[in-house]
Protein backbone atom coordinates (compact mmCIF):
# COMPACT_ATOMS: atom_id res chain seq x y z
CA UNK A 1 -10.72 50.38 -8.21
CA UNK A 2 -7.59 51.31 -5.78
CA UNK A 3 -6.04 48.62 -4.12
CA UNK A 4 -5.80 48.26 -0.44
CA UNK A 5 -3.94 50.95 1.24
CA UNK A 6 -3.34 51.86 4.92
CA UNK A 7 -4.01 55.37 5.85
CA UNK A 8 -3.68 56.29 9.46
CA UNK A 9 -6.77 54.77 11.60
CA UNK A 10 -8.48 53.37 8.81
CA UNK A 11 -7.77 51.41 5.31
CA UNK A 12 -9.18 52.38 2.27
CA UNK A 13 -10.92 49.46 0.16
CA UNK A 14 -12.57 51.46 -2.23
CA UNK A 15 -12.14 54.83 -3.90
CA UNK A 16 -13.94 55.52 -7.36
CA UNK A 17 -16.93 57.07 -9.52
CA UNK A 18 -19.15 56.12 -6.53
CA UNK A 19 -17.29 56.92 -3.21
CA UNK A 20 -15.12 56.18 -0.83
CA UNK A 21 -15.33 53.07 1.42
CA UNK A 22 -12.87 52.91 4.35
CA UNK A 23 -12.09 50.19 7.17
CA UNK A 24 -12.33 51.65 10.26
CA UNK A 25 -8.95 50.65 12.54
CA UNK A 26 -10.89 51.45 15.57
CA UNK A 27 -13.46 53.22 17.28
CA UNK A 28 -11.97 56.48 17.24
CA UNK A 29 -11.47 56.18 13.20
CA UNK A 30 -15.23 56.04 12.96
CA UNK A 31 -16.21 58.91 15.07
CA UNK A 32 -13.58 61.52 13.29
CA UNK A 33 -15.13 60.16 9.95
CA UNK A 34 -18.74 59.80 11.15
CA UNK A 35 -18.96 62.96 13.89
CA UNK A 36 -22.68 62.32 14.17
CA UNK A 37 -21.98 59.12 15.99
CA UNK A 38 -21.82 60.58 19.71
CA UNK A 39 -25.46 61.61 18.94
CA UNK A 40 -27.12 57.90 18.54
CA UNK A 41 -28.64 55.68 20.88
CA UNK A 42 -26.52 53.83 23.00
CA UNK A 43 -27.97 50.35 21.45
CA UNK A 44 -26.95 51.99 17.76
CA UNK A 45 -23.36 52.61 19.21
CA UNK A 46 -23.20 48.80 20.72
CA UNK A 47 -24.60 47.67 17.20
CA UNK A 48 -21.81 49.71 15.35
CA UNK A 49 -18.79 49.00 17.80
CA UNK A 50 -18.95 45.51 16.75
CA UNK A 51 -22.34 43.57 18.84
CA UNK A 52 -24.12 42.98 15.17
CA UNK A 53 -21.22 43.05 12.98
CA UNK A 54 -18.19 44.91 11.20
CA UNK A 55 -18.86 48.35 10.21
CA UNK A 56 -17.40 50.19 7.44
CA UNK A 57 -17.48 53.84 6.48
CA UNK A 58 -18.83 55.12 3.26
CA UNK A 59 -17.97 58.80 1.83
CA UNK A 60 -19.10 60.60 -1.13
CA UNK A 61 -18.92 64.19 -1.22
CA UNK A 62 -20.78 65.84 1.21
CA UNK A 63 -22.00 62.65 3.66
CA UNK A 64 -20.67 60.09 5.43
CA UNK A 65 -22.43 56.47 6.65
CA UNK A 66 -21.64 53.31 8.41
CA UNK A 67 -22.25 50.26 6.52
CA UNK A 68 -22.26 47.57 9.26
CA UNK A 69 -21.89 44.17 7.56
CA UNK A 70 -24.27 41.99 9.52
CA UNK A 71 -23.23 38.19 7.66
CA UNK A 72 -19.48 39.01 8.77
CA UNK A 73 -17.28 40.30 11.44
CA UNK A 74 -14.43 39.54 9.14
CA UNK A 75 -12.75 42.44 7.53
CA UNK A 76 -13.70 42.90 3.72
CA UNK A 77 -14.54 39.41 3.52
CA UNK A 78 -18.87 40.88 2.42
CA UNK A 79 -22.11 38.93 3.00
CA UNK A 80 -24.22 40.94 1.07
CA UNK A 81 -26.11 41.30 4.22
CA UNK A 82 -26.28 45.18 5.86
CA UNK A 83 -27.38 47.80 7.56
CA UNK A 84 -27.44 51.31 6.97
CA UNK A 85 -26.55 54.43 9.70
CA UNK A 86 -26.99 58.18 8.17
CA UNK A 87 -27.17 59.93 11.56
CA UNK A 88 -30.60 59.50 11.97
CA UNK A 89 -31.84 58.49 15.54
CA UNK A 90 -34.16 55.71 14.55
CA UNK A 91 -34.36 52.49 16.44
CA UNK A 92 -34.24 50.45 12.96
CA UNK A 93 -31.74 51.36 11.43
CA UNK A 94 -32.11 51.94 7.75
CA UNK A 95 -31.55 50.05 4.37
CA UNK A 96 -28.02 50.20 2.09
CA UNK A 97 -30.70 49.33 -0.93
CA UNK A 98 -31.69 52.74 -1.80
CA UNK A 99 -27.99 54.57 -1.12
CA UNK A 100 -26.56 52.24 -3.60
CA UNK A 101 -28.97 51.73 -6.16
CA UNK A 102 -27.08 54.35 -8.48
CA UNK A 103 -23.29 52.71 -7.38
CA UNK A 104 -22.76 49.49 -9.89
CA UNK A 105 -19.74 49.29 -8.66
CA UNK A 106 -19.51 49.53 -5.24
CA UNK A 107 -23.08 47.27 -5.21
CA UNK A 108 -20.96 44.59 -6.74
CA UNK A 109 -17.90 45.14 -4.37
CA UNK A 110 -20.21 44.22 -1.42
CA UNK A 111 -22.30 41.63 -3.25
CA UNK A 112 -25.29 43.68 -2.35
CA UNK A 113 -28.77 41.76 -3.75
CA UNK A 114 -31.33 43.45 -5.12
CA UNK A 115 -35.16 41.72 -5.17
CA UNK A 116 -37.60 42.85 -8.09
CA UNK A 117 -39.45 45.02 -5.80
CA UNK A 118 -36.02 47.15 -4.47
CA UNK A 119 -35.18 46.69 -8.87
CA UNK A 120 -38.59 48.85 -9.34
CA UNK A 121 -38.96 51.05 -6.05
CA UNK A 122 -35.44 52.53 -6.87
CA UNK A 123 -35.85 52.89 -11.05
CA UNK A 124 -33.01 50.48 -11.35
CA UNK A 125 -32.76 49.91 -15.39
CA UNK A 126 -33.24 46.51 -16.86
CA UNK A 127 -31.37 44.79 -19.86
CA UNK A 128 -32.49 44.53 -22.88
CA UNK A 129 -32.62 41.21 -22.73
CA UNK A 130 -34.98 40.84 -20.07
CA UNK A 131 -37.11 43.30 -21.24
CA UNK A 132 -37.45 40.74 -24.62
CA UNK A 133 -38.23 38.12 -22.03
CA UNK A 134 -40.92 39.69 -20.27
CA UNK A 135 -42.15 40.48 -24.37
CA UNK A 136 -42.38 37.27 -25.38
CA UNK A 137 -45.25 36.16 -22.59
CA UNK A 138 -48.64 37.34 -24.45
CA UNK A 139 -49.99 39.64 -26.30
CA UNK A 140 -50.59 41.56 -23.86
CA UNK A 141 -46.75 42.34 -22.67
CA UNK A 142 -45.56 42.34 -26.39
CA UNK A 143 -48.24 45.58 -26.87
CA UNK A 144 -46.61 47.24 -24.04
CA UNK A 145 -42.63 46.37 -25.07
CA UNK A 146 -43.44 48.10 -28.65
CA UNK A 147 -44.00 51.49 -26.94
CA UNK A 148 -41.17 50.98 -24.96
CA UNK A 149 -38.96 50.39 -28.19
CA UNK A 150 -40.67 52.35 -30.57
CA UNK A 151 -42.50 55.15 -28.25
CA UNK A 152 -45.57 56.11 -27.06
CA UNK A 153 -47.37 57.53 -30.29
CA UNK A 154 -51.14 57.56 -30.60
CA UNK A 155 -51.21 54.01 -32.68
CA UNK A 156 -49.29 51.62 -30.56
CA UNK A 157 -50.65 53.22 -27.53
CA UNK A 158 -54.33 52.41 -28.56
CA UNK A 159 -53.69 48.64 -28.64
CA UNK A 160 -53.81 48.67 -25.16
CA UNK A 161 -57.44 49.66 -25.09
CA UNK A 162 -57.81 45.60 -25.83
CA UNK A 163 -56.69 45.00 -23.05
CA UNK A 164 -58.69 46.91 -20.05
CA UNK A 165 -60.43 43.22 -18.83
CA UNK A 166 -63.79 43.26 -17.12
CA UNK A 167 -62.74 45.99 -14.42
CA UNK A 168 -61.10 48.86 -15.85
CA UNK A 169 -62.49 51.58 -18.21
CA UNK A 170 -60.77 54.83 -19.77
CA UNK A 171 -60.85 57.53 -17.61
CA UNK A 172 -64.14 59.29 -18.00
CA UNK A 173 -66.29 56.20 -19.33
CA UNK A 174 -69.55 56.09 -17.80
CA UNK A 175 -68.83 53.17 -15.88
CA UNK A 176 -66.54 54.53 -13.99
CA UNK A 177 -69.16 56.15 -12.30
CA UNK A 178 -72.11 54.13 -11.99
CA UNK A 179 -70.25 51.36 -9.80
CA UNK A 180 -67.23 53.25 -8.04
CA UNK A 181 -66.56 50.52 -5.76
CA UNK A 182 -66.27 48.03 -8.85
CA UNK A 183 -64.27 49.52 -11.43
CA UNK A 184 -60.88 51.22 -12.12
CA UNK A 185 -59.94 53.97 -14.82
CA UNK A 186 -56.64 54.32 -16.45
CA UNK A 187 -55.25 57.01 -18.78
CA UNK A 188 -52.17 56.76 -20.61
CA UNK A 189 -49.37 59.18 -21.47
CA UNK A 190 -46.19 59.35 -22.90
CA UNK A 191 -43.61 58.26 -19.88
CA UNK A 192 -46.66 55.40 -18.86
CA UNK A 193 -49.94 54.89 -17.57
CA UNK A 194 -52.41 56.20 -14.52
CA UNK A 195 -54.61 53.95 -13.24
CA UNK A 196 -57.46 55.69 -10.64
CA UNK A 197 -58.66 53.39 -8.33
CA UNK A 198 -61.58 53.62 -5.36
CA UNK A 199 -59.52 54.06 -1.52
CA UNK A 200 -61.44 50.86 -0.18
CA UNK A 201 -60.59 49.00 -3.34
CA UNK A 202 -57.40 50.28 -3.56
CA UNK A 203 -56.11 49.05 0.19
CA UNK A 204 -57.87 46.04 -0.27
CA UNK A 205 -56.75 44.66 -3.79
CA UNK A 206 -53.71 46.49 -3.92
CA UNK A 207 -52.36 47.51 -0.19
CA UNK A 208 -53.66 44.81 0.84
CA UNK A 209 -52.89 46.19 5.05
CA UNK A 210 -54.94 45.05 7.65
CA UNK A 211 -58.02 46.81 9.67
CA UNK A 212 -54.87 48.23 12.99
CA UNK A 213 -52.82 49.80 9.48
CA UNK A 214 -56.19 51.48 7.76
CA UNK A 215 -56.86 53.79 9.98
CA UNK A 216 -53.14 54.62 10.06
CA UNK A 217 -52.78 54.61 5.97
CA UNK A 218 -55.72 56.98 6.22
CA UNK A 219 -54.46 59.27 8.94
CA UNK A 220 -51.59 59.71 7.11
CA UNK A 221 -52.06 59.83 3.20
CA UNK A 222 -55.29 62.41 3.67
CA UNK A 223 -55.56 65.86 4.54
CA UNK A 224 -56.29 65.06 7.86
CA UNK A 225 -55.93 67.28 11.04
CA UNK A 226 -56.28 66.28 14.42
CA UNK A 227 -54.66 65.62 17.65
CA UNK A 228 -53.49 62.92 20.07
CA UNK A 229 -54.62 62.80 23.57
CA UNK A 230 -52.07 62.76 25.83
CA UNK A 231 -51.98 61.56 29.22
CA UNK A 232 -50.74 63.56 32.34
CA UNK A 233 -48.05 61.65 33.16
CA UNK A 234 -46.56 63.64 30.04
CA UNK A 235 -46.71 66.52 32.00
CA UNK A 236 -43.50 64.69 33.43
CA UNK A 237 -41.50 65.29 30.56
CA UNK A 238 -41.90 68.81 29.30
CA UNK A 239 -38.75 70.42 30.68
CA UNK A 240 -37.47 69.66 27.46
CA UNK A 241 -39.39 71.99 25.07
CA UNK A 242 -39.34 74.78 26.91
CA UNK A 243 -36.77 77.45 25.77
CA UNK A 244 -34.63 79.72 27.96
CA UNK A 245 -37.32 82.73 28.10
CA UNK A 246 -40.66 80.21 29.51
CA UNK A 247 -37.63 78.65 31.39
CA UNK A 248 -36.67 81.67 33.34
CA UNK A 249 -40.54 82.70 34.08
CA UNK A 250 -40.41 79.53 35.75
CA UNK A 251 -37.38 79.93 37.86
CA UNK A 252 -39.35 84.14 38.86
CA UNK A 253 -42.70 82.40 40.41
CA UNK A 254 -40.00 80.05 42.04
CA UNK A 255 -38.32 82.87 43.83
CA UNK A 256 -41.15 85.14 44.44
CA UNK A 257 -43.70 82.40 46.16
CA UNK A 258 -41.39 79.42 47.30
CA UNK A 259 -37.32 80.68 47.05
CA UNK A 260 -36.39 78.23 49.50
CA UNK A 261 -37.34 75.61 46.61
CA UNK A 262 -34.30 76.18 45.25
CA UNK A 263 -31.64 75.29 47.84
CA UNK A 264 -33.09 71.91 47.56
CA UNK A 265 -33.80 70.85 43.93
CA UNK A 266 -31.47 71.20 40.45
CA UNK A 267 -32.33 74.29 38.81
CA UNK A 268 -29.84 76.20 37.24
CA UNK A 269 -29.84 79.96 37.80
CA UNK A 270 -29.79 80.68 34.53
CA UNK A 271 -33.16 79.64 33.98
CA UNK A 272 -32.66 76.29 32.08
CA UNK A 273 -33.17 72.97 33.75
CA UNK A 274 -30.38 70.70 34.54
CA UNK A 275 -30.03 66.93 33.45
CA UNK A 276 -31.49 66.00 36.94
CA UNK A 277 -34.49 67.79 37.20
CA UNK A 278 -36.67 66.17 34.64
CA UNK A 279 -39.80 66.86 35.74
CA UNK A 280 -39.30 70.01 37.38
CA UNK A 281 -42.43 71.65 36.21
CA UNK A 282 -45.04 69.58 36.86
CA UNK A 283 -43.38 68.35 40.67
CA UNK A 284 -43.70 71.97 41.22
CA UNK A 285 -46.98 73.18 39.71
CA UNK A 286 -48.67 70.17 41.12
CA UNK A 287 -47.32 70.73 44.87
CA UNK A 288 -47.90 74.30 45.25
CA UNK A 289 -50.19 75.41 42.88
CA UNK A 290 -51.60 71.62 42.04
CA UNK A 291 -55.59 73.68 41.98
CA UNK A 292 -54.32 75.73 39.25
CA UNK A 293 -52.66 73.82 37.37
CA UNK A 294 -54.89 71.12 37.09
CA UNK A 295 -57.40 72.95 35.35
CA UNK A 296 -55.06 74.76 33.24
CA UNK A 297 -52.60 71.75 32.26
CA UNK A 298 -54.34 70.70 29.63
CA UNK A 299 -53.43 73.47 26.96
CA UNK A 300 -49.56 72.31 27.35
CA UNK A 301 -51.00 68.71 26.84
CA UNK A 302 -52.63 69.64 23.60
CA UNK A 303 -49.88 71.43 22.24
CA UNK A 304 -47.68 68.22 22.66
CA UNK A 305 -50.71 66.03 21.19
CA UNK A 306 -51.39 68.24 18.25
CA UNK A 307 -47.13 68.09 17.76
CA UNK A 308 -47.21 64.09 18.19
CA UNK A 309 -49.61 64.14 16.00
CA UNK A 310 -48.08 65.80 13.32
CA UNK A 311 -44.96 63.91 13.78
CA UNK A 312 -46.82 60.15 13.30
CA UNK A 313 -48.46 61.77 10.04
CA UNK A 314 -45.27 62.29 8.98
CA UNK A 315 -43.09 59.65 9.81
CA UNK A 316 -45.89 57.07 8.61
CA UNK A 317 -46.22 58.65 5.57
CA UNK A 318 -42.26 58.37 5.36
CA UNK A 319 -42.44 55.17 5.82
CA UNK A 320 -45.21 54.22 3.15
CA UNK A 321 -43.29 55.90 0.55
CA UNK A 322 -40.05 53.89 1.40
CA UNK A 323 -42.05 50.61 1.66
CA UNK A 324 -43.96 51.13 -1.86
CA UNK A 325 -43.48 49.56 -5.19
CA UNK A 326 -44.85 51.92 -7.44
CA UNK A 327 -45.15 55.46 -7.04
CA UNK A 328 -48.80 56.84 -6.08
CA UNK A 329 -50.91 59.39 -4.38
CA UNK A 330 -54.41 60.87 -2.77
CA UNK A 331 -56.55 62.20 -5.84
CA UNK A 332 -59.96 64.10 -5.78
CA UNK A 333 -62.89 62.01 -4.48
CA UNK A 334 -60.59 59.68 -2.45
CA UNK A 335 -59.10 58.28 -5.96
CA UNK A 336 -56.04 56.70 -5.31
CA UNK A 337 -53.86 57.26 -8.61
CA UNK A 338 -50.84 54.27 -9.56
CA UNK A 339 -48.60 55.54 -11.80
CA UNK A 340 -46.50 53.39 -13.72
CA UNK A 341 -43.93 53.80 -16.63
CA UNK A 342 -44.40 51.29 -19.13
CA UNK A 343 -41.22 49.42 -18.43
CA UNK A 344 -42.27 48.77 -15.28
CA UNK A 345 -46.14 48.08 -16.58
CA UNK A 346 -43.68 45.40 -18.84
CA UNK A 347 -41.88 44.11 -16.11
CA UNK A 348 -44.90 43.59 -14.06
CA UNK A 349 -46.99 41.77 -17.24
CA UNK A 350 -43.80 39.29 -17.64
CA UNK A 351 -43.27 38.43 -13.89
CA UNK A 352 -46.98 37.71 -12.67
CA UNK A 353 -47.96 36.60 -16.60
CA UNK A 354 -51.19 39.24 -16.76
CA UNK A 355 -53.39 39.22 -19.32
CA UNK A 356 -54.77 42.17 -18.94
CA UNK A 357 -54.86 45.85 -16.98
CA UNK A 358 -57.74 43.95 -14.34
CA UNK A 359 -55.61 41.05 -13.48
CA UNK A 360 -53.68 43.99 -11.86
CA UNK A 361 -56.09 44.12 -8.82
CA UNK A 362 -55.31 40.25 -7.97
CA UNK A 363 -51.87 40.65 -7.76
CA UNK A 364 -51.22 43.18 -4.26
CA UNK A 365 -48.64 44.82 -6.17
CA UNK A 366 -48.22 47.68 -4.16
CA UNK A 367 -48.60 45.40 -0.74
CA UNK A 368 -46.88 47.40 2.36
CA UNK A 369 -45.92 44.26 4.37
CA UNK A 370 -45.52 46.14 7.88
CA UNK A 371 -48.01 47.22 10.88
CA UNK A 372 -48.45 50.95 10.46
CA UNK A 373 -49.71 51.34 13.77
CA UNK A 374 -46.25 50.36 14.89
CA UNK A 375 -44.46 53.04 13.20
CA UNK A 376 -47.44 55.35 14.65
CA UNK A 377 -46.56 54.71 17.85
CA UNK A 378 -42.68 54.75 17.80
CA UNK A 379 -42.76 58.54 16.61
CA UNK A 380 -42.68 61.49 19.38
CA UNK A 381 -41.07 64.11 18.16
CA UNK A 382 -41.66 67.83 18.56
CA UNK A 383 -41.64 69.98 15.61
CA UNK A 384 -40.75 74.03 15.96
CA UNK A 385 -44.69 74.66 15.08
CA UNK A 386 -45.01 72.29 18.92
CA UNK A 387 -42.48 74.31 20.57
CA UNK A 388 -43.80 77.49 20.15
CA UNK A 389 -47.35 76.11 20.47
CA UNK A 390 -45.85 74.27 24.18
CA UNK A 391 -44.14 77.66 25.04
CA UNK A 392 -46.99 79.78 24.60
CA UNK A 393 -49.05 77.64 26.69
CA UNK A 394 -46.83 77.20 29.74
CA UNK A 395 -46.15 81.47 29.50
CA UNK A 396 -49.89 82.04 29.39
CA UNK A 397 -50.14 79.40 33.04
CA UNK A 398 -47.24 80.80 34.21
CA UNK A 399 -48.21 84.56 33.59
CA UNK A 400 -52.24 83.74 34.67
CA UNK A 401 -50.11 82.02 37.87
CA UNK A 402 -48.13 85.38 38.95
CA UNK A 403 -51.00 87.64 38.04
CA UNK A 404 -53.51 85.44 40.79
CA UNK A 405 -51.10 85.21 43.62
CA UNK A 406 -48.66 88.09 43.23
CA UNK A 407 -50.69 89.28 46.36
CA UNK A 408 -52.61 86.79 47.87
CA UNK A 409 -49.93 84.01 48.08
CA UNK A 410 -48.89 83.93 51.76
CA UNK A 411 -52.76 83.20 52.55
CA UNK A 412 -53.33 81.25 50.32
CA UNK A 413 -50.52 78.67 51.17
CA UNK A 414 -51.94 79.04 54.93
CA UNK A 415 -55.13 77.60 53.54
CA UNK A 416 -53.71 74.82 51.59
CA UNK A 417 -51.81 73.31 54.81
CA UNK A 418 -54.85 74.06 57.09
CA UNK A 419 -57.21 71.72 54.19
CA UNK A 420 -54.31 69.12 53.74
CA UNK A 421 -54.23 68.70 57.84
CA UNK A 422 -58.19 68.82 57.77
CA UNK A 423 -58.13 65.83 54.74
CA UNK A 424 -55.70 63.78 57.16
CA UNK A 425 -57.78 64.45 60.02
CA UNK A 426 -60.87 63.63 58.04
CA UNK A 427 -59.66 59.97 56.94
CA UNK A 428 -59.46 61.26 53.17
CA UNK A 429 -57.23 59.72 50.42
CA UNK A 430 -54.74 61.90 49.43
CA UNK A 431 -54.50 63.68 46.41
CA UNK A 432 -54.27 61.44 43.62
CA UNK A 433 -54.15 60.63 39.77
CA UNK A 434 -57.33 58.48 39.62
CA UNK A 435 -61.19 59.41 39.82
CA UNK A 436 -61.29 62.80 39.42
CA UNK A 437 -57.85 63.82 38.66
CA UNK A 438 -54.83 65.31 40.71
CA UNK A 439 -57.40 67.89 42.35
CA UNK A 440 -58.97 65.48 44.78
CA UNK A 441 -59.91 63.47 47.98
CA UNK A 442 -62.33 60.87 48.08
CA UNK A 443 -63.50 58.75 50.80
CA UNK A 444 -65.60 55.33 51.23
CA UNK A 445 -68.83 55.63 53.35
CA UNK A 446 -70.97 52.43 54.76
CA UNK A 447 -73.81 53.20 56.79
CA UNK A 448 -75.43 50.46 59.25
CA UNK A 449 -77.08 48.21 58.11
CA UNK A 450 -76.19 48.64 54.73
CA UNK A 451 -74.44 47.12 51.75
CA UNK A 452 -74.19 49.73 49.37
CA UNK A 453 -71.39 52.04 49.44
CA UNK A 454 -71.07 55.65 48.92
CA UNK A 455 -68.60 57.97 47.59
CA UNK A 456 -67.96 60.90 48.84
CA UNK A 457 -65.61 62.96 46.99
CA UNK A 458 -64.47 66.58 47.75
CA UNK A 459 -62.80 68.65 44.35
CA UNK A 460 -61.75 71.88 42.99
CA UNK A 461 -59.98 73.37 46.39
CA UNK A 462 -60.05 77.19 46.25
CA UNK A 463 -57.05 77.85 48.60
CA UNK A 464 -58.06 81.61 47.93
CA UNK A 465 -61.52 81.61 48.36
CA UNK A 466 -60.29 78.61 50.83
CA UNK A 467 -63.82 76.26 49.23
CA UNK A 468 -64.41 72.79 48.25
CA UNK A 469 -67.13 71.57 45.86
CA UNK A 470 -68.44 68.27 47.77
CA UNK A 471 -70.48 65.52 45.87
CA UNK A 472 -72.41 62.23 47.37
CA UNK A 473 -73.77 59.32 45.97
CA UNK A 474 -74.28 55.72 45.91
CA UNK A 475 -73.50 53.30 43.07
CA UNK A 476 -74.38 54.96 39.58
CA UNK A 477 -76.37 57.74 41.56
CA UNK A 478 -74.77 61.69 41.23
CA UNK A 479 -76.82 62.16 44.84
CA UNK A 480 -75.98 66.08 45.72
CA UNK A 481 -73.20 68.38 44.82
CA UNK A 482 -72.87 71.32 46.67
CA UNK A 483 -70.16 74.18 47.34
CA UNK A 484 -68.84 75.23 50.76
CA UNK A 485 -66.33 77.26 52.22
CA UNK A 486 -63.33 74.53 54.19
CA UNK A 487 -64.38 75.76 57.70
CA UNK A 488 -67.80 74.47 57.05
CA UNK A 489 -67.22 71.06 55.84
CA UNK A 490 -65.49 69.56 59.04
CA UNK A 491 -69.52 69.21 60.92
CA UNK A 492 -71.23 68.73 57.20
CA UNK A 493 -69.13 66.06 56.75
CA UNK A 494 -69.39 64.26 60.35
CA UNK A 495 -73.25 64.58 59.83
CA UNK A 496 -74.09 62.68 57.29
CA UNK A 497 -77.96 62.38 56.73
CA UNK A 498 -78.45 58.37 57.11
CA UNK A 499 -80.78 56.99 54.41
CA UNK A 500 -83.01 54.61 55.55
CA UNK A 501 -84.87 52.28 53.33
CA UNK A 502 -88.01 53.44 52.64
CA UNK A 503 -91.28 51.61 54.31
CA UNK A 504 -93.51 49.58 52.14
CA UNK A 505 -96.90 51.16 52.09
CA UNK A 506 -100.19 48.95 53.19
């Protein structure tokens, strides 16, 4: 290990086989050695700048990391408590334990301690002294220790059959199928054991996850394909997903139909929305093509929802794989296969004082001490397929609008303005995001002498045909629904029949 030496705007505190650990003397040094930092969130930057601890730079052959000492603000007074930043724009920083699990020298320098679970997670070796200590616990431990030392020969492996317990059988045993929710099966190999556990039993006894996390676990681990349901508010953020080709088509639509719009709104001539134009698509289409946008925007929302679902599935799967202690995967018939090396099995027996395989289920050995639903809803990334599908949907909508209004936009625009004036004159509510969607106008009516409130709803305004659909109903009664020419609705709405109570027949 080299002595502390000053080099330019940083100092080298370690230079060895594990890489280099540098002490930056200013923020410029951090940016120079970890240029990806400029892409981090403001909160992350503040933490790195010193709000949460003292930063170091760790360099390998091809990557740079920031190691934040959260327990000390004194350089080289290592606390053993760290957060790792690797360029991923995660709200919560990563743990350094995995990165340094095979780097003994720098682990000792940083005073980084590993829990038994972490040693298993990162496949860190056990000392011979530790293995002998585990082997002395009982006959079960001794049988596994013999396999570790002498090899997985048939004679040694067969001895494990004596330690199945009440609820574990050999793979293929008839008990496995007679009560599939109760029994587990086991299979031996040269490397270790495969424990096959029914899904419900595994989640309850091994993972120990609550109902809130259980459905997320299923969504992540199983081969489900679904889409999230997106609220219409998400349409305000779609600008950032659009390609140059889609943006150019969007600007073309504006220039053809509403050229004055570009004078007052920050959309660049290149066809790319500017930084200040968030919501440009939704705002424009809602204002000038409201009914069409209301009817077709679901295509964009669906593409976003499917992409977000894939993102959440992948994100939670990564969390599960990083938080698990022992490797497992889902096999046929929803059976979960846990793989344990003989060294891992010996450590479990020695640590938990197990007498047989059946007692494994009593100890939550793969507990996921996290709320998976939080990780699920924190993921919002849109993958390349999502970008492609969103743009396909938007281009389809824009092309449809162009074709539809190419020869009739001016007259449709006149109809739109006249209709809006009529709604204002009749005291109907402005188009809203409430009942019935965006392209909806409504009004509450109370007839003389009656307590019941009737709601009259106007929807589906078609500016080209100048038609609407009118609904009239009381409470849960839908009432009647009719289509009208706009020119006739003023008379219709000001001469509604008054429903008098029926007289009793004596």
